[in-house]
Structure formats: structure tokens, C-alpha cells
Amino acid sequence: MFRCNVRMVSLVLTAVMVLVGCGGGPPASHKGAAQQGAAQQAASGSPTVPAQKDKVRVGYSSVTASQVIPLVAKEAGIFDKYGIDAEIVFVAGSSKLTQAVVAGDIPFAVMGGQSMAEANVAGADTVMVAGTVYTLLFYLMTTPDIKMPEDLKGKKIGITRFGSAMHFAVRYALKHWNIPEQEVGIVQLNDTPSILAGMKSGAVDAGIMDSPSNVKAAAEGFRQLIFLADLGLQYQQTGAITTRRQIEKNPDLVQRFVQAYAEGLHRFKTDKAFALKMIGKLANTDNTEMLEQTYAVYEPLMAKIPHPSVPGMQTILDELGERQPKAKVVKPQALMEDKFVQTLETAGFFKQLWGN
């Protein structure tokens, strides 16, 4: 197992307590004392972890480099450092993963903002506590005969699931090209490997993909029609989510999770060899060229300080508002809880982490 080689000052925000599982937060009568202790811990910089590690399931919804940070934090021992015994769990499709988070089966997840926001608007208490990617890191890969957007008319495009970030991406691209949605078929195929399999079998003519799946598709002879990040849209594609119930129940655990996540991002961005190894483990490949291409595109677009994005969430709400009128009156701040990242930034955590 790798260990993080960056000198850190750990900032944890509550008094020492013994936590088991995902619960164990301080009783309501002691919250004031815990918050006062949090300020003291942040000021002193001395690490505080529970006597027994919290066993926590952390989910991800897509085999993509933008969702590799939990694996980085796990394999580098960063979760352990913050008193978290993390089990990294794959759940295909952000809508299914959102359901697991809402049900409490998976307390934390790294996924797209679209499904989380849709659940929130529908009445769930899902919120994003850290933001990773603020634009559409997707590729539209097509069969060789599709050379321009107009060629998509009458064709079928594969996505993971309806309501996902990929679904938003294809709808946004079609709108950008002034192609009515009814002139193409959008097909739900569950996960990215199934999209590629559908293109190879002829079930679909194109597919929305993240990386490294797009590199695999190119190696199979498919072509890239567009990299959607080039459109410059502000969009909260990826981040870490939980529920307000979890925050209320155990704010200390949430704070430690966010801190570990932020340090995992740092490890990813500053230790390329380790990052490539983790992407390869996630995607089950040791293809050096594929891993290098993925890292070269993704690393610059992943956050150093992972605040959730207000403009990125507003984009999601604007799109949801076209289908769900309730979304038109929801503020983007209702979809996020930025205080955990803000606390770390105020205390100087990121200056010490990044050295500037």
C-alpha cells in the first residue's frame, strides 16, 4: 500500500470521540462543546481521530478517472489517516447510486451532480460536500460514418441511464447543434463498458463516454465527434455527496471524509505514477498510452480546492426546470454544503497542502 508523502497538518473539527460505523455523532446537548472543540483543533492543527475507525462505504458510479479519488485515498492510506475504514463500492449508474445514498446504504458517494440534484428537487436530502469537476468531461464517440453532428439524425446514442450526467451531456450537445431530440434515439445501456459493447454490436451508432473508455473506443476504430468540455459549459459533473441526515448525525465524520477526499485529490494531481496506477486499477487496464492520455486530459480539469460550484449547480437546475417546474425555485446552495471545505480553507489546510 502506498503512503502519502506530502507533509500535512491535519485539521479535524470536533472533540475526541469514539465512533463506530457511520453513526455515533455527538448528542444534541453536546454539540456546542463539540463545535468549540472543533475550533480549538483547527487552530492547534493537532490530529484527532476516533479510537476505533469508522467503517464507511464509499460509492462511485462510473469507471472514469474523475471518480478515482476514493480509490486513491483508500490505497494511499489517507482514509486510514483520518480514522476511516473505507470500503469502495461500485454501483453502475448515478441514479442507482443516489438511491443507495438516500436509503443510507452508502453514506458517501462520488458521482455526477445531476442525479443528486434531481433527487434533492424531488424531496431527498442529498447534498454535495466537495466538488471535483466543473465542466462536461465527456466524449461523444461515433461510428466512422458519422462525421458531423447532422449525421446523428436518425441514429441511436447510448448513455448510462436516464437522468444521469451523460443524459444531460447528450441533450446539451443536441441543443447546441440545434438537433431536435426526437430526431435521434437515446438508449439506456447501464454503464460505459455496455455503451462500447453496444457500439461494437451495432445496437447504437454513438455513445457518450468518459475516459479511459473513449481511448478504448478509439482503439476499436470509433471516432471522436466532440469533447464536450470544449463547449465551455459550467457544470457540476463530479463531486462527493452525502445527505443532510448524515451531516446532522455525525458532522465530525463528514469533515474527516472531506479532508481525506481533498488530500486524495492532491495525491492524484501531484503523484502521476500513483494516479496512473489507480486509474488502471479502476479501469482494469495496464495500457500505458491509454492511462497517460486519460491523465493528461483529466488532471488539469480536476479541482485543487474542491468547493462545489454554484454556477455548475445552477446549470443543472436550469435543465431540470425544463422538465420539473419545482426546480425553477430551488437555489443552487440548497444542493450543496460547502462549510466543510470552507473550514479547511479558512484554517490554512490547503495552503499547507499545496505549499502556496
Protein backbone atom coordinates (compact mmCIF):
# COMPACT_ATOMS: atom_id res chain seq x y z
CA MET A 1 0.00 0.00 0.00
CA PHE A 2 1.26 3.44 -0.82
CA ARG A 3 1.52 6.20 1.79
CA CYS A 4 1.05 9.89 1.12
CA ASN A 5 4.47 11.61 1.07
CA VAL A 6 3.17 15.14 1.49
CA ARG A 7 3.81 16.84 4.85
CA MET A 8 0.40 17.55 6.27
CA VAL A 9 -1.12 19.38 9.17
CA SER A 10 -4.37 17.54 9.89
CA LEU A 11 -7.34 19.71 10.78
CA VAL A 12 -10.25 17.89 12.35
CA LEU A 13 -13.21 19.72 13.64
CA THR A 14 -14.65 18.09 16.76
CA ALA A 15 -13.62 16.97 20.20
CA VAL A 16 -12.24 13.45 20.58
CA MET A 17 -14.99 10.83 20.47
CA VAL A 18 -15.32 7.14 19.81
CA LEU A 19 -17.25 6.48 16.61
CA VAL A 20 -18.44 3.18 15.27
CA GLY A 21 -19.86 2.64 11.78
CA CYS A 22 -21.48 5.62 10.13
CA GLY A 23 -23.24 6.95 13.20
CA GLY A 24 -22.12 7.96 16.64
CA GLY A 25 -22.38 11.74 16.34
CA PRO A 26 -22.44 13.86 19.50
CA PRO A 27 -25.75 14.20 21.35
CA ALA A 28 -27.58 17.45 20.68
CA SER A 29 -26.78 18.74 24.18
CA HIS A 30 -23.04 18.44 23.48
CA LYS A 31 -22.96 19.99 20.01
CA GLY A 32 -21.91 23.40 21.27
CA ALA A 33 -18.96 21.91 23.13
CA ALA A 34 -18.05 19.84 20.09
CA GLN A 35 -18.09 22.92 17.87
CA GLN A 36 -15.91 24.81 20.34
CA GLY A 37 -13.53 21.85 20.36
CA ALA A 38 -13.55 21.91 16.57
CA ALA A 39 -12.28 25.48 16.54
CA GLN A 40 -9.55 24.58 19.02
CA GLN A 41 -8.47 21.57 16.97
CA ALA A 42 -8.38 23.63 13.79
CA ALA A 43 -6.30 26.28 15.50
CA SER A 44 -3.86 23.83 17.06
CA GLY A 45 -3.53 21.67 13.95
CA SER A 46 -3.21 18.52 16.09
CA PRO A 47 -4.82 15.44 14.50
CA THR A 48 -7.87 13.96 16.20
CA VAL A 49 -9.16 10.60 15.01
CA PRO A 50 -11.54 8.24 16.75
CA ALA A 51 -10.13 5.45 18.91
CA GLN A 52 -11.78 2.97 16.56
CA LYS A 53 -12.00 3.64 12.83
CA ASP A 54 -15.39 4.34 11.29
CA LYS A 55 -16.35 1.66 8.80
CA VAL A 56 -17.77 3.55 5.85
CA ARG A 57 -18.96 2.51 2.41
CA VAL A 58 -17.96 4.98 -0.30
CA GLY A 59 -19.64 4.52 -3.67
CA TYR A 60 -18.77 5.53 -7.21
CA SER A 61 -20.96 5.23 -10.28
CA SER A 62 -18.70 5.18 -13.32
CA VAL A 63 -15.35 3.71 -14.34
CA THR A 64 -13.70 7.05 -15.02
CA ALA A 65 -10.68 8.96 -13.81
CA SER A 66 -12.87 11.73 -12.39
CA GLN A 67 -14.26 9.24 -9.84
CA VAL A 68 -10.98 7.59 -8.88
CA ILE A 69 -10.27 9.78 -5.82
CA PRO A 70 -11.86 7.43 -3.23
CA LEU A 71 -9.64 4.62 -4.51
CA VAL A 72 -6.61 6.93 -4.35
CA ALA A 73 -7.44 7.87 -0.75
CA LYS A 74 -8.02 4.21 0.15
CA GLU A 75 -4.87 2.80 -1.42
CA ALA A 76 -2.63 5.65 -0.22
CA GLY A 77 -3.74 5.16 3.39
CA ILE A 78 -5.32 8.60 3.54
CA PHE A 79 -8.71 7.38 4.75
CA ASP A 80 -6.92 5.41 7.47
CA LYS A 81 -5.06 8.55 8.48
CA TYR A 82 -8.37 10.23 9.21
CA GLY A 83 -9.89 7.31 11.10
CA ILE A 84 -11.97 5.93 8.23
CA ASP A 85 -12.01 2.26 7.26
CA ALA A 86 -13.38 2.80 3.75
CA GLU A 87 -14.97 0.14 1.58
CA ILE A 88 -15.03 1.36 -2.03
CA VAL A 89 -18.20 0.17 -3.78
CA PHE A 90 -19.13 0.36 -7.46
CA VAL A 91 -22.80 0.96 -8.30
CA ALA A 92 -23.41 1.27 -12.03
CA GLY A 93 -25.31 4.46 -12.83
CA SER A 94 -25.60 7.63 -10.77
CA SER A 95 -29.36 7.29 -10.31
CA LYS A 96 -28.95 3.86 -8.66
CA LEU A 97 -26.11 5.16 -6.50
CA THR A 98 -28.20 8.15 -5.46
CA GLN A 99 -30.93 5.76 -4.31
CA ALA A 100 -28.39 3.88 -2.19
CA VAL A 101 -27.20 7.15 -0.61
CA VAL A 102 -30.76 8.27 0.12
CA ALA A 103 -31.54 4.87 1.68
CA GLY A 104 -28.45 5.17 3.89
CA ASP A 105 -26.84 2.01 2.49
CA ILE A 106 -23.87 4.03 1.19
CA PRO A 107 -23.24 7.15 3.31
CA PHE A 108 -20.83 8.83 0.87
CA ALA A 109 -20.53 8.69 -2.90
CA VAL A 110 -18.53 10.27 -5.69
CA MET A 111 -20.67 10.80 -8.75
CA GLY A 112 -22.26 13.32 -11.07
CA GLY A 113 -24.29 16.20 -9.70
CA GLN A 114 -27.25 15.60 -11.99
CA SER A 115 -28.89 12.63 -10.24
CA MET A 116 -28.13 14.00 -6.78
CA ALA A 117 -29.76 17.31 -7.72
CA GLU A 118 -32.79 15.63 -9.24
CA ALA A 119 -33.32 13.62 -6.05
CA ASN A 120 -32.95 16.77 -3.95
CA VAL A 121 -35.53 18.64 -6.01
CA ALA A 122 -37.88 15.67 -5.60
CA GLY A 123 -37.59 15.94 -1.81
CA ALA A 124 -34.49 13.93 -0.83
CA ASP A 125 -31.85 15.47 1.45
CA THR A 126 -28.89 14.75 -0.82
CA VAL A 127 -26.15 17.40 -0.90
CA MET A 128 -22.70 17.77 -2.42
CA VAL A 129 -19.93 18.40 0.11
CA ALA A 130 -16.97 18.57 -2.28
CA GLY A 131 -16.73 19.37 -5.99
CA THR A 132 -14.19 17.78 -8.32
CA VAL A 133 -15.02 18.62 -11.94
CA TYR A 134 -16.82 21.76 -13.11
CA THR A 135 -17.44 21.01 -16.78
CA LEU A 136 -18.59 18.17 -19.04
CA LEU A 137 -15.70 15.70 -19.14
CA PHE A 138 -17.43 13.52 -21.73
CA TYR A 139 -16.69 12.45 -25.28
CA LEU A 140 -19.24 11.67 -27.96
CA MET A 141 -17.80 8.70 -29.81
CA THR A 142 -19.39 7.54 -33.05
CA THR A 143 -19.13 5.02 -35.84
CA PRO A 144 -16.77 6.12 -38.65
CA ASP A 145 -19.62 7.12 -40.98
CA ILE A 146 -20.78 9.89 -38.59
CA LYS A 147 -18.51 12.78 -39.49
CA MET A 148 -20.56 15.80 -38.42
CA PRO A 149 -23.37 16.49 -35.96
CA GLU A 150 -26.07 16.42 -38.63
CA ASP A 151 -25.18 12.80 -39.32
CA LEU A 152 -26.61 11.89 -35.91
CA LYS A 153 -30.16 12.37 -37.17
CA GLY A 154 -31.93 9.03 -37.26
CA LYS A 155 -29.16 7.39 -35.23
CA LYS A 156 -29.10 5.87 -31.75
CA ILE A 157 -26.88 7.25 -28.97
CA GLY A 158 -26.01 5.17 -25.93
CA ILE A 159 -25.88 6.59 -22.40
CA THR A 160 -25.74 5.01 -18.94
CA ARG A 161 -29.15 5.87 -17.52
CA PHE A 162 -31.84 8.49 -18.00
CA GLY A 163 -31.39 11.37 -15.57
CA SER A 164 -27.62 10.89 -15.41
CA ALA A 165 -24.89 13.39 -16.27
CA MET A 166 -24.39 11.51 -19.54
CA HIS A 167 -28.05 12.01 -20.36
CA PHE A 168 -27.65 15.73 -19.72
CA ALA A 169 -24.49 15.78 -21.87
CA VAL A 170 -26.13 14.29 -24.95
CA ARG A 171 -29.19 16.54 -24.60
CA TYR A 172 -26.97 19.59 -24.22
CA ALA A 173 -24.90 18.65 -27.27
CA LEU A 174 -28.00 18.15 -29.40
CA LYS A 175 -29.37 21.51 -28.28
CA HIS A 176 -26.01 23.14 -29.05
CA TRP A 177 -26.23 21.74 -32.59
CA ASN A 178 -29.93 22.63 -32.99
CA ILE A 179 -30.82 18.98 -33.47
CA PRO A 180 -34.28 18.13 -32.03
CA GLU A 181 -34.12 15.27 -29.54
CA GLN A 182 -36.91 13.43 -31.29
CA GLU A 183 -34.68 13.07 -34.35
CA VAL A 184 -32.28 10.76 -32.52
CA GLY A 185 -32.76 7.77 -30.27
CA ILE A 186 -31.28 7.92 -26.78
CA VAL A 187 -30.72 4.42 -25.46
CA GLN A 188 -30.14 3.47 -21.81
CA LEU A 189 -27.29 0.93 -21.51
CA ASN A 190 -26.46 0.99 -17.77
CA ASP A 191 -22.68 1.60 -17.82
CA THR A 192 -19.84 2.76 -20.05
CA PRO A 193 -18.48 -0.71 -20.99
CA SER A 194 -22.00 -1.61 -22.14
CA ILE A 195 -22.10 1.53 -24.30
CA LEU A 196 -18.92 0.45 -26.05
CA ALA A 197 -20.27 -3.08 -26.41
CA GLY A 198 -23.46 -1.64 -27.91
CA MET A 199 -21.47 0.31 -30.47
CA LYS A 200 -19.46 -2.77 -31.41
CA SER A 201 -22.62 -4.86 -31.82
CA GLY A 202 -24.44 -2.19 -33.81
CA ALA A 203 -27.13 -1.69 -31.18
CA VAL A 204 -26.22 2.01 -31.08
CA ASP A 205 -24.35 4.25 -33.52
CA ALA A 206 -22.76 6.54 -30.97
CA GLY A 207 -22.17 6.81 -27.25
CA ILE A 208 -21.35 9.28 -24.52
CA MET A 209 -18.14 8.16 -22.83
CA ASP A 210 -15.73 9.26 -20.19
CA SER A 211 -12.05 8.40 -20.07
CA PRO A 212 -10.37 5.91 -20.42
CA SER A 213 -13.36 4.32 -22.18
CA ASN A 214 -13.07 6.82 -25.05
CA VAL A 215 -9.49 5.67 -25.67
CA LYS A 216 -10.67 2.07 -25.80
CA ALA A 217 -13.36 3.09 -28.30
CA ALA A 218 -10.81 4.88 -30.50
CA ALA A 219 -8.65 1.75 -30.49
CA GLU A 220 -11.69 -0.18 -31.77
CA GLY A 221 -11.97 2.18 -34.76
CA PHE A 222 -14.63 4.58 -33.48
CA ARG A 223 -14.13 8.31 -33.84
CA GLN A 224 -14.49 11.28 -31.53
CA LEU A 225 -17.15 13.71 -32.69
CA ILE A 226 -16.67 16.15 -29.81
CA PHE A 227 -15.08 16.53 -26.39
CA LEU A 228 -17.86 18.31 -24.55
CA ALA A 229 -15.52 20.20 -22.23
CA ASP A 230 -14.56 22.24 -25.31
CA LEU A 231 -18.03 23.82 -25.20
CA GLY A 232 -17.01 25.64 -22.01
CA LEU A 233 -20.16 24.95 -20.03
CA GLN A 234 -20.01 25.42 -16.25
CA TYR A 235 -21.50 22.21 -14.94
CA GLN A 236 -21.02 20.28 -11.69
CA GLN A 237 -20.16 16.98 -13.27
CA THR A 238 -18.43 15.22 -10.39
CA GLY A 239 -18.26 15.61 -6.64
CA ALA A 240 -18.64 13.90 -3.28
CA ILE A 241 -22.18 13.66 -1.92
CA THR A 242 -23.91 12.64 1.28
CA THR A 243 -27.18 13.50 3.00
CA ARG A 244 -28.12 16.24 5.45
CA ARG A 245 -29.14 13.45 7.83
CA GLN A 246 -25.57 12.18 7.79
CA ILE A 247 -24.24 15.70 8.38
CA GLU A 248 -26.58 16.19 11.33
CA LYS A 249 -25.84 12.76 12.76
CA ASN A 250 -22.06 12.86 12.51
CA PRO A 251 -20.51 16.14 11.29
CA ASP A 252 -17.08 15.03 12.51
CA LEU A 253 -17.14 12.02 10.19
CA VAL A 254 -18.22 14.19 7.26
CA GLN A 255 -15.41 16.64 7.99
CA ARG A 256 -12.84 13.86 8.10
CA PHE A 257 -14.21 12.37 4.89
CA VAL A 258 -13.98 15.72 3.09
CA GLN A 259 -10.45 16.24 4.36
CA ALA A 260 -9.37 12.80 3.20
CA TYR A 261 -11.05 13.40 -0.16
CA ALA A 262 -9.21 16.72 -0.57
CA GLU A 263 -5.90 15.08 0.26
CA GLY A 264 -6.69 12.30 -2.21
CA LEU A 265 -7.17 14.94 -4.91
CA HIS A 266 -3.78 16.38 -4.02
CA ARG A 267 -2.16 12.95 -4.28
CA PHE A 268 -3.80 12.38 -7.67
CA LYS A 269 -2.62 15.71 -9.04
CA THR A 270 0.94 15.59 -7.68
CA ASP A 271 1.89 11.90 -7.93
CA LYS A 272 1.33 10.98 -11.56
CA ALA A 273 2.78 7.47 -11.30
CA PHE A 274 0.47 6.59 -8.44
CA ALA A 275 -2.50 8.24 -10.17
CA LEU A 276 -1.89 6.19 -13.33
CA LYS A 277 -1.75 3.03 -11.26
CA MET A 278 -5.08 3.87 -9.60
CA ILE A 279 -6.79 4.72 -12.90
CA GLY A 280 -5.51 1.41 -14.27
CA LYS A 281 -6.84 -0.46 -11.25
CA LEU A 282 -10.23 1.21 -11.57
CA ALA A 283 -10.47 0.56 -15.32
CA ASN A 284 -8.76 -2.86 -15.17
CA THR A 285 -6.08 -1.95 -17.69
CA ASP A 286 -2.32 -1.54 -17.79
CA ASN A 287 -2.30 0.14 -21.20
CA THR A 288 0.24 2.90 -20.59
CA GLU A 289 -0.82 5.03 -23.56
CA MET A 290 -4.47 4.88 -22.53
CA LEU A 291 -3.65 5.84 -18.94
CA GLU A 292 -1.34 8.66 -19.98
CA GLN A 293 -3.94 10.14 -22.33
CA THR A 294 -6.60 9.99 -19.64
CA TYR A 295 -4.43 11.65 -17.01
CA ALA A 296 -3.26 14.38 -19.40
CA VAL A 297 -6.84 15.46 -20.08
CA TYR A 298 -8.40 14.97 -16.64
CA GLU A 299 -5.76 16.16 -14.19
CA PRO A 300 -5.79 19.86 -15.22
CA LEU A 301 -9.60 19.93 -15.02
CA MET A 302 -9.86 18.48 -11.52
CA ALA A 303 -10.10 20.87 -8.57
CA LYS A 304 -7.27 21.76 -6.20
CA ILE A 305 -9.69 23.16 -3.61
CA PRO A 306 -12.91 21.18 -4.03
CA HIS A 307 -15.68 23.69 -3.42
CA PRO A 308 -18.99 22.68 -5.01
CA SER A 309 -19.76 25.05 -7.87
CA VAL A 310 -22.72 27.43 -7.59
CA PRO A 311 -22.76 28.18 -11.36
CA GLY A 312 -22.34 24.47 -12.09
CA MET A 313 -25.32 23.59 -9.92
CA GLN A 314 -27.35 26.39 -11.47
CA THR A 315 -26.79 24.83 -14.89
CA ILE A 316 -28.21 21.57 -13.59
CA LEU A 317 -31.22 23.34 -12.07
CA ASP A 318 -31.88 25.25 -15.29
CA GLU A 319 -32.01 21.98 -17.21
CA LEU A 320 -34.18 20.29 -14.58
CA GLY A 321 -36.53 23.26 -14.62
CA GLU A 322 -37.45 22.45 -18.22
CA ARG A 323 -38.90 19.14 -17.01
CA GLN A 324 -39.68 19.78 -13.35
CA PRO A 325 -41.15 23.25 -12.62
CA LYS A 326 -40.22 22.91 -8.94
CA ALA A 327 -36.54 23.15 -9.86
CA LYS A 328 -37.03 26.71 -11.06
CA VAL A 329 -37.42 27.98 -7.49
CA VAL A 330 -34.61 25.93 -5.96
CA LYS A 331 -31.38 27.79 -5.21
CA PRO A 332 -28.09 26.05 -6.10
CA GLN A 333 -26.92 26.47 -2.49
CA ALA A 334 -29.72 24.08 -1.45
CA LEU A 335 -27.92 21.32 -3.36
CA MET A 336 -24.60 21.70 -1.55
CA GLU A 337 -23.00 22.07 1.85
CA ASP A 338 -19.72 23.90 1.37
CA LYS A 339 -18.88 24.53 5.03
CA PHE A 340 -16.54 21.56 5.33
CA VAL A 341 -14.26 22.73 2.50
CA GLN A 342 -14.60 26.33 3.69
CA THR A 343 -13.50 25.37 7.19
CA LEU A 344 -10.39 23.68 5.84
CA GLU A 345 -9.57 26.65 3.65
CA THR A 346 -10.05 29.17 6.47
CA ALA A 347 -7.80 27.13 8.74
CA GLY A 348 -4.99 27.11 6.16
CA PHE A 349 -5.24 23.41 5.30
CA PHE A 350 -4.93 23.95 1.56
CA LYS A 351 -2.02 26.39 1.87
CA GLN A 352 -0.13 23.77 3.83
CA LEU A 353 -1.19 21.01 1.47
CA TRP A 354 -0.23 22.81 -1.73
CA GLY A 355 2.54 25.00 -0.35
CA ASN A 356 1.14 28.33 -1.56
